[in-house]
Amino acid sequence: MGHHIFALVTAGPVDQAQAAAYELPCFLENGYTIIGLNAYHSDYWADKLDIPHRNYSDIILDNDVTRFLARALGLGRYALISTDYFGGSGEQHAAVYDAGQVLMPATAGGINAALRLLGVRRGPLTDEFDAISLGKYRSFEDHFERYYDLD
């Protein structure tokens, strides 16, 4: 089974009213919020809010819209993560920001390092990724279906 997600991860809860206003799915796992992201959703909000389409790294959604959404949700320190693999083969990337400043630049294979910067602690039999149950989120696509036909 594949794993293909884009997400923001932050310690603690987020502003649910703002998340709902921007139609962002949020999941609280072991004290950390996972906020699903999607490229079609990002394009929609970039056009609607007249936000530039600039990217800042190899992570596709490391852009002005994602940074706007992080501010709107009141995120201080957060990780931007992406996974794209099937059957163990593929890649993952992560970056960490704090109040808009880069703490960890986009790094291939860097999700566990990014989560450590957020304070996630691994268990005796799990890494940071599994400590916040990221493995159970295979895709967020079904949360963004309405954005696919808005082109």
N, C-alpha and C. Protein backbone atom coordinates (compact mmCIF):
# COMPACT_ATOMS: atom_id res chain seq x y z
N MET A 1 0.84 -1.19 0.00
CA MET A 1 0.00 0.00 0.00
C MET A 1 0.89 1.24 0.00
N GLY A 2 0.49 2.25 -0.74
CA GLY A 2 1.28 3.47 -0.87
C GLY A 2 1.06 4.45 0.27
N HIS A 3 1.92 5.42 0.30
CA HIS A 3 1.82 6.49 1.30
C HIS A 3 2.17 7.78 0.56
N HIS A 4 1.18 8.65 0.40
CA HIS A 4 1.38 9.89 -0.35
C HIS A 4 0.64 11.01 0.37
N ILE A 5 1.39 11.76 1.19
CA ILE A 5 0.76 12.86 1.92
C ILE A 5 1.62 14.12 1.86
N PHE A 6 0.94 15.24 1.99
CA PHE A 6 1.54 16.53 2.30
C PHE A 6 0.84 16.97 3.57
N ALA A 7 1.59 17.46 4.56
CA ALA A 7 0.96 17.87 5.80
C ALA A 7 1.82 18.86 6.57
N LEU A 8 1.15 19.62 7.41
CA LEU A 8 1.81 20.40 8.44
C LEU A 8 1.64 19.61 9.73
N VAL A 9 2.65 19.61 10.57
CA VAL A 9 2.57 18.95 11.87
C VAL A 9 3.03 19.96 12.91
N THR A 10 2.27 20.07 14.00
CA THR A 10 2.62 21.01 15.07
C THR A 10 2.24 20.41 16.41
N ALA A 11 2.89 20.87 17.46
CA ALA A 11 2.57 20.40 18.81
C ALA A 11 1.26 21.04 19.25
N GLY A 12 0.41 20.24 19.89
CA GLY A 12 -0.83 20.76 20.45
C GLY A 12 -1.92 20.95 19.42
N PRO A 13 -3.06 21.47 19.90
CA PRO A 13 -4.19 21.71 19.00
C PRO A 13 -3.98 22.98 18.19
N VAL A 14 -4.81 23.14 17.16
CA VAL A 14 -4.78 24.33 16.32
C VAL A 14 -6.14 25.02 16.37
N ASP A 15 -6.22 26.20 15.81
CA ASP A 15 -7.46 26.96 15.74
C ASP A 15 -8.43 26.23 14.78
N GLN A 16 -9.36 25.48 15.35
CA GLN A 16 -10.29 24.68 14.54
C GLN A 16 -11.21 25.54 13.68
N ALA A 17 -11.57 26.72 14.15
CA ALA A 17 -12.44 27.60 13.35
C ALA A 17 -11.70 28.03 12.09
N GLN A 18 -10.45 28.38 12.23
CA GLN A 18 -9.66 28.76 11.05
C GLN A 18 -9.44 27.56 10.12
N ALA A 19 -9.17 26.40 10.70
CA ALA A 19 -8.99 25.20 9.89
C ALA A 19 -10.26 24.93 9.08
N ALA A 20 -11.41 25.07 9.72
CA ALA A 20 -12.68 24.86 9.02
C ALA A 20 -12.89 25.91 7.94
N ALA A 21 -12.53 27.16 8.23
CA ALA A 21 -12.70 28.24 7.25
C ALA A 21 -11.91 27.97 5.97
N TYR A 22 -10.75 27.32 6.11
CA TYR A 22 -9.92 27.02 4.94
C TYR A 22 -10.04 25.55 4.52
N GLU A 23 -11.03 24.86 5.07
CA GLU A 23 -11.32 23.47 4.73
C GLU A 23 -10.08 22.57 4.81
N LEU A 24 -9.42 22.66 5.95
CA LEU A 24 -8.23 21.85 6.20
C LEU A 24 -8.56 20.73 7.19
N PRO A 25 -8.30 19.48 6.81
CA PRO A 25 -8.52 18.38 7.74
C PRO A 25 -7.43 18.36 8.81
N CYS A 26 -7.82 18.23 10.07
CA CYS A 26 -6.87 18.21 11.18
C CYS A 26 -7.11 16.97 12.03
N PHE A 27 -6.02 16.35 12.44
CA PHE A 27 -6.09 15.13 13.22
C PHE A 27 -5.13 15.26 14.40
N LEU A 28 -5.63 15.08 15.61
CA LEU A 28 -4.81 15.16 16.81
C LEU A 28 -4.33 13.76 17.16
N GLU A 29 -3.02 13.59 17.20
CA GLU A 29 -2.41 12.29 17.49
C GLU A 29 -1.32 12.46 18.54
N ASN A 30 -1.56 11.90 19.72
CA ASN A 30 -0.56 11.91 20.80
C ASN A 30 -0.02 13.30 21.09
N GLY A 31 -0.91 14.28 21.08
CA GLY A 31 -0.53 15.64 21.42
C GLY A 31 -0.01 16.49 20.26
N TYR A 32 -0.05 15.97 19.05
CA TYR A 32 0.41 16.69 17.86
C TYR A 32 -0.71 16.73 16.84
N THR A 33 -0.84 17.87 16.16
CA THR A 33 -1.86 18.00 15.13
C THR A 33 -1.24 17.80 13.76
N ILE A 34 -1.87 16.96 12.97
CA ILE A 34 -1.50 16.70 11.58
C ILE A 34 -2.55 17.39 10.73
N ILE A 35 -2.11 18.30 9.86
CA ILE A 35 -3.01 19.09 9.03
C ILE A 35 -2.76 18.70 7.57
N GLY A 36 -3.73 18.06 6.96
CA GLY A 36 -3.58 17.62 5.58
C GLY A 36 -3.54 18.78 4.60
N LEU A 37 -2.68 18.66 3.60
CA LEU A 37 -2.55 19.66 2.53
C LEU A 37 -2.74 18.99 1.18
N ASN A 38 -2.99 19.82 0.17
CA ASN A 38 -3.24 19.31 -1.17
C ASN A 38 -2.91 20.40 -2.20
N ALA A 39 -2.33 20.01 -3.32
CA ALA A 39 -1.93 20.98 -4.34
C ALA A 39 -3.12 21.70 -4.97
N TYR A 40 -4.22 21.01 -5.25
CA TYR A 40 -5.39 21.67 -5.82
C TYR A 40 -5.98 22.68 -4.84
N HIS A 41 -6.02 22.31 -3.59
CA HIS A 41 -6.50 23.20 -2.53
C HIS A 41 -5.61 24.44 -2.47
N SER A 42 -4.31 24.23 -2.52
CA SER A 42 -3.35 25.33 -2.48
C SER A 42 -3.55 26.28 -3.67
N ASP A 43 -3.73 25.72 -4.85
CA ASP A 43 -3.95 26.55 -6.04
C ASP A 43 -5.24 27.37 -5.91
N TYR A 44 -6.28 26.75 -5.38
CA TYR A 44 -7.55 27.45 -5.19
C TYR A 44 -7.36 28.67 -4.29
N TRP A 45 -6.72 28.47 -3.12
CA TRP A 45 -6.56 29.58 -2.18
C TRP A 45 -5.56 30.62 -2.69
N ALA A 46 -4.59 30.20 -3.46
CA ALA A 46 -3.66 31.17 -4.05
C ALA A 46 -4.43 32.12 -4.97
N ASP A 47 -5.31 31.55 -5.80
CA ASP A 47 -6.10 32.38 -6.70
C ASP A 47 -7.13 33.23 -5.96
N LYS A 48 -7.83 32.62 -5.02
CA LYS A 48 -8.90 33.31 -4.29
C LYS A 48 -8.34 34.48 -3.46
N LEU A 49 -7.17 34.29 -2.85
CA LEU A 49 -6.59 35.31 -1.97
C LEU A 49 -5.49 36.13 -2.63
N ASP A 50 -5.27 35.87 -3.93
CA ASP A 50 -4.23 36.56 -4.68
C ASP A 50 -2.86 36.42 -4.01
N ILE A 51 -2.52 35.19 -3.68
CA ILE A 51 -1.24 34.86 -3.07
C ILE A 51 -0.32 34.38 -4.19
N PRO A 52 0.92 34.85 -4.23
CA PRO A 52 1.84 34.41 -5.29
C PRO A 52 2.06 32.90 -5.28
N HIS A 53 2.41 32.37 -6.43
CA HIS A 53 2.71 30.94 -6.58
C HIS A 53 4.22 30.72 -6.52
N ARG A 54 4.85 31.06 -5.40
CA ARG A 54 6.30 30.85 -5.25
C ARG A 54 6.56 29.63 -4.40
N ASN A 55 7.54 28.83 -4.81
CA ASN A 55 7.99 27.69 -4.01
C ASN A 55 9.35 28.01 -3.42
N TYR A 56 9.61 27.42 -2.25
CA TYR A 56 10.84 27.71 -1.52
C TYR A 56 11.79 26.53 -1.38
N SER A 57 11.37 25.35 -1.81
CA SER A 57 12.24 24.18 -1.69
C SER A 57 11.75 23.09 -2.64
N ASP A 58 12.33 21.91 -2.49
CA ASP A 58 11.92 20.76 -3.29
C ASP A 58 10.58 20.19 -2.85
N ILE A 59 10.07 20.63 -1.72
CA ILE A 59 8.76 20.18 -1.27
C ILE A 59 7.72 20.98 -2.05
N ILE A 60 6.90 20.31 -2.81
CA ILE A 60 5.96 20.98 -3.71
C ILE A 60 5.11 22.04 -3.01
N LEU A 61 4.64 21.75 -1.81
CA LEU A 61 3.77 22.69 -1.12
C LEU A 61 4.50 23.59 -0.13
N ASP A 62 5.81 23.72 -0.29
CA ASP A 62 6.56 24.71 0.49
C ASP A 62 6.45 26.03 -0.26
N ASN A 63 5.29 26.66 -0.08
CA ASN A 63 4.96 27.84 -0.87
C ASN A 63 4.29 28.91 -0.02
N ASP A 64 3.94 30.00 -0.64
CA ASP A 64 3.33 31.12 0.07
C ASP A 64 1.96 30.77 0.66
N VAL A 65 1.20 29.93 -0.01
CA VAL A 65 -0.12 29.56 0.51
C VAL A 65 0.04 28.76 1.80
N THR A 66 0.94 27.80 1.80
CA THR A 66 1.16 27.00 3.01
C THR A 66 1.61 27.89 4.16
N ARG A 67 2.48 28.83 3.89
CA ARG A 67 2.94 29.75 4.94
C ARG A 67 1.80 30.64 5.42
N PHE A 68 0.94 31.08 4.51
CA PHE A 68 -0.24 31.85 4.90
C PHE A 68 -1.15 31.02 5.80
N LEU A 69 -1.41 29.77 5.41
CA LEU A 69 -2.28 28.91 6.20
C LEU A 69 -1.69 28.64 7.59
N ALA A 70 -0.39 28.45 7.67
CA ALA A 70 0.25 28.24 8.97
C ALA A 70 0.04 29.45 9.88
N ARG A 71 0.18 30.64 9.32
CA ARG A 71 -0.07 31.86 10.12
C ARG A 71 -1.54 31.96 10.51
N ALA A 72 -2.44 31.67 9.57
CA ALA A 72 -3.88 31.75 9.86
C ALA A 72 -4.29 30.80 10.97
N LEU A 73 -3.64 29.65 11.04
CA LEU A 73 -3.94 28.66 12.08
C LEU A 73 -3.22 28.97 13.39
N GLY A 74 -2.39 29.99 13.38
CA GLY A 74 -1.67 30.37 14.59
C GLY A 74 -0.50 29.46 14.93
N LEU A 75 0.07 28.82 13.90
CA LEU A 75 1.19 27.91 14.17
C LEU A 75 2.46 28.70 14.45
N GLY A 76 3.16 28.30 15.48
CA GLY A 76 4.48 28.85 15.77
C GLY A 76 5.51 27.96 15.10
N ARG A 77 5.93 26.92 15.80
CA ARG A 77 6.87 25.95 15.23
C ARG A 77 6.06 24.83 14.57
N TYR A 78 6.43 24.52 13.34
CA TYR A 78 5.73 23.44 12.62
C TYR A 78 6.66 22.81 11.61
N ALA A 79 6.34 21.57 11.27
CA ALA A 79 7.05 20.85 10.21
C ALA A 79 6.13 20.76 9.00
N LEU A 80 6.71 20.91 7.84
CA LEU A 80 6.04 20.63 6.57
C LEU A 80 6.63 19.32 6.08
N ILE A 81 5.77 18.33 5.88
CA ILE A 81 6.27 17.02 5.47
C ILE A 81 5.61 16.56 4.18
N SER A 82 6.32 15.70 3.47
CA SER A 82 5.73 15.06 2.29
C SER A 82 6.27 13.64 2.21
N THR A 83 5.39 12.73 1.80
CA THR A 83 5.81 11.35 1.55
C THR A 83 5.28 10.95 0.18
N ASP A 84 6.04 10.12 -0.49
CA ASP A 84 5.61 9.57 -1.77
C ASP A 84 6.33 8.24 -1.96
N TYR A 85 5.70 7.18 -1.48
CA TYR A 85 6.31 5.87 -1.67
C TYR A 85 5.26 4.78 -1.73
N PHE A 86 5.68 3.68 -2.32
CA PHE A 86 4.81 2.52 -2.47
C PHE A 86 5.66 1.28 -2.22
N GLY A 87 5.21 0.44 -1.32
CA GLY A 87 5.94 -0.80 -1.03
C GLY A 87 7.33 -0.56 -0.50
N GLY A 88 7.53 0.52 0.23
CA GLY A 88 8.84 0.82 0.81
C GLY A 88 9.76 1.60 -0.09
N SER A 89 9.40 1.77 -1.34
CA SER A 89 10.23 2.46 -2.31
C SER A 89 9.68 3.86 -2.56
N GLY A 90 10.52 4.86 -2.50
CA GLY A 90 10.06 6.22 -2.74
C GLY A 90 10.87 7.22 -1.95
N GLU A 91 10.22 8.32 -1.60
CA GLU A 91 10.95 9.37 -0.90
C GLU A 91 10.06 10.13 0.06
N GLN A 92 10.72 10.82 0.98
CA GLN A 92 10.04 11.70 1.90
C GLN A 92 10.92 12.93 2.10
N HIS A 93 10.28 14.04 2.44
CA HIS A 93 10.98 15.30 2.69
C HIS A 93 10.34 15.99 3.88
N ALA A 94 11.10 16.85 4.53
CA ALA A 94 10.55 17.63 5.62
C ALA A 94 11.37 18.90 5.79
N ALA A 95 10.69 19.93 6.30
CA ALA A 95 11.32 21.19 6.67
C ALA A 95 10.65 21.63 7.97
N VAL A 96 11.35 22.45 8.75
CA VAL A 96 10.77 22.95 9.99
C VAL A 96 10.90 24.47 10.02
N TYR A 97 9.81 25.11 10.46
CA TYR A 97 9.75 26.56 10.56
C TYR A 97 9.33 26.95 11.98
N ASP A 98 9.79 28.08 12.41
CA ASP A 98 9.36 28.64 13.69
C ASP A 98 9.13 30.12 13.47
N ALA A 99 7.87 30.54 13.62
CA ALA A 99 7.48 31.94 13.40
C ALA A 99 7.99 32.44 12.04
N GLY A 100 7.88 31.59 11.03
CA GLY A 100 8.26 31.98 9.68
C GLY A 100 9.73 31.82 9.35
N GLN A 101 10.56 31.50 10.33
CA GLN A 101 11.99 31.33 10.10
C GLN A 101 12.32 29.84 9.90
N VAL A 102 13.23 29.56 8.99
CA VAL A 102 13.62 28.18 8.72
C VAL A 102 14.50 27.66 9.85
N LEU A 103 14.05 26.60 10.52
CA LEU A 103 14.88 25.92 11.52
C LEU A 103 15.61 24.74 10.90
N MET A 104 14.94 24.07 9.97
CA MET A 104 15.55 22.95 9.25
C MET A 104 15.13 23.09 7.79
N PRO A 105 16.08 23.31 6.90
CA PRO A 105 15.70 23.42 5.49
C PRO A 105 15.15 22.09 4.98
N ALA A 106 14.45 22.16 3.87
CA ALA A 106 13.88 20.94 3.27
C ALA A 106 14.98 19.91 3.12
N THR A 107 14.71 18.72 3.69
CA THR A 107 15.70 17.67 3.75
C THR A 107 15.08 16.36 3.29
N ALA A 108 15.72 15.71 2.33
CA ALA A 108 15.25 14.40 1.89
C ALA A 108 15.42 13.42 3.06
N GLY A 109 14.38 12.63 3.30
CA GLY A 109 14.44 11.65 4.37
C GLY A 109 14.41 12.26 5.77
N GLY A 110 14.01 13.51 5.88
CA GLY A 110 14.14 14.23 7.14
C GLY A 110 12.94 14.28 8.06
N ILE A 111 11.94 13.45 7.84
CA ILE A 111 10.73 13.57 8.66
C ILE A 111 11.01 13.31 10.14
N ASN A 112 11.71 12.25 10.47
CA ASN A 112 11.97 11.98 11.89
C ASN A 112 12.78 13.09 12.54
N ALA A 113 13.77 13.62 11.84
CA ALA A 113 14.56 14.74 12.37
C ALA A 113 13.66 15.96 12.60
N ALA A 114 12.75 16.23 11.66
CA ALA A 114 11.83 17.36 11.80
C ALA A 114 10.91 17.16 13.00
N LEU A 115 10.40 15.97 13.15
CA LEU A 115 9.50 15.69 14.27
C LEU A 115 10.22 15.81 15.62
N ARG A 116 11.49 15.41 15.66
CA ARG A 116 12.28 15.60 16.89
C ARG A 116 12.37 17.07 17.26
N LEU A 117 12.52 17.95 16.25
CA LEU A 117 12.59 19.39 16.50
C LEU A 117 11.26 19.93 17.06
N LEU A 118 10.17 19.22 16.81
CA LEU A 118 8.88 19.60 17.37
C LEU A 118 8.67 19.03 18.77
N GLY A 119 9.57 18.14 19.19
CA GLY A 119 9.46 17.54 20.51
C GLY A 119 8.89 16.14 20.52
N VAL A 120 8.65 15.56 19.37
CA VAL A 120 8.12 14.19 19.31
C VAL A 120 9.20 13.25 19.83
N ARG A 121 8.79 12.35 20.71
CA ARG A 121 9.71 11.36 21.28
C ARG A 121 9.36 9.98 20.74
N ARG A 122 10.38 9.31 20.29
CA ARG A 122 10.20 7.94 19.80
C ARG A 122 9.95 7.01 20.97
N GLY A 123 9.32 5.89 20.68
CA GLY A 123 9.10 4.87 21.70
C GLY A 123 10.16 3.79 21.59
N PRO A 124 10.11 2.80 22.46
CA PRO A 124 11.11 1.74 22.41
C PRO A 124 11.04 0.92 21.13
N LEU A 125 9.85 0.85 20.53
CA LEU A 125 9.67 0.07 19.30
C LEU A 125 9.20 0.91 18.13
N THR A 126 9.18 2.24 18.28
CA THR A 126 8.69 3.10 17.21
C THR A 126 9.64 4.26 16.98
N ASP A 127 9.61 4.78 15.76
CA ASP A 127 10.33 6.02 15.49
C ASP A 127 9.35 7.18 15.68
N GLU A 128 9.81 8.39 15.45
CA GLU A 128 8.97 9.58 15.63
C GLU A 128 7.76 9.56 14.70
N PHE A 129 7.96 9.11 13.48
CA PHE A 129 6.89 9.01 12.48
C PHE A 129 5.73 8.19 13.05
N ASP A 130 6.06 7.03 13.60
CA ASP A 130 5.01 6.16 14.15
C ASP A 130 4.52 6.63 15.51
N ALA A 131 5.33 7.38 16.25
CA ALA A 131 4.92 7.87 17.57
C ALA A 131 3.70 8.78 17.48
N ILE A 132 3.53 9.46 16.33
CA ILE A 132 2.34 10.30 16.16
C ILE A 132 1.40 9.71 15.10
N SER A 133 1.56 8.42 14.85
CA SER A 133 0.64 7.66 13.98
C SER A 133 0.57 8.16 12.54
N LEU A 134 1.66 8.71 12.03
CA LEU A 134 1.62 9.18 10.63
C LEU A 134 1.41 8.04 9.65
N GLY A 135 1.82 6.84 10.01
CA GLY A 135 1.67 5.70 9.11
C GLY A 135 0.23 5.38 8.75
N LYS A 136 -0.70 5.75 9.61
CA LYS A 136 -2.10 5.42 9.30
C LYS A 136 -2.73 6.40 8.30
N TYR A 137 -2.07 7.51 8.02
CA TYR A 137 -2.59 8.48 7.05
C TYR A 137 -1.91 8.23 5.71
N ARG A 138 -2.54 7.48 4.87
CA ARG A 138 -1.97 7.09 3.57
C ARG A 138 -2.12 8.19 2.52
N SER A 139 -3.20 8.96 2.64
CA SER A 139 -3.49 10.02 1.68
C SER A 139 -4.56 10.92 2.30
N PHE A 140 -4.54 12.18 1.90
CA PHE A 140 -5.59 13.11 2.31
C PHE A 140 -6.48 13.49 1.14
N GLU A 141 -6.31 12.83 0.02
CA GLU A 141 -7.00 13.20 -1.21
C GLU A 141 -8.52 13.26 -1.06
N ASP A 142 -9.10 12.33 -0.31
CA ASP A 142 -10.56 12.32 -0.19
C ASP A 142 -11.09 13.53 0.57
N HIS A 143 -10.25 14.22 1.31
CA HIS A 143 -10.67 15.44 2.01
C HIS A 143 -10.70 16.67 1.08
N PHE A 144 -10.13 16.53 -0.11
CA PHE A 144 -10.00 17.67 -1.02
C PHE A 144 -10.68 17.46 -2.37
N GLU A 145 -11.54 16.47 -2.47
CA GLU A 145 -12.15 16.13 -3.75
C GLU A 145 -12.85 17.30 -4.41
N ARG A 146 -13.50 18.16 -3.65
CA ARG A 146 -14.23 19.28 -4.24
C ARG A 146 -13.32 20.23 -5.01
N TYR A 147 -12.04 20.25 -4.70
CA TYR A 147 -11.10 21.16 -5.37
C TYR A 147 -10.62 20.64 -6.72
N TYR A 148 -10.84 19.37 -7.01
CA TYR A 148 -10.33 18.80 -8.27
C TYR A 148 -11.06 19.31 -9.49
N ASP A 149 -12.32 19.69 -9.34
CA ASP A 149 -13.11 20.13 -10.48
C ASP A 149 -13.25 21.65 -10.58
N LEU A 150 -12.45 22.37 -9.83
CA LEU A 150 -12.57 23.84 -9.81
C LEU A 150 -11.63 24.52 -10.80
N ASP A 151 -10.92 23.78 -11.60
CA ASP A 151 -9.96 24.38 -12.56
C ASP A 151 -10.64 25.32 -13.52
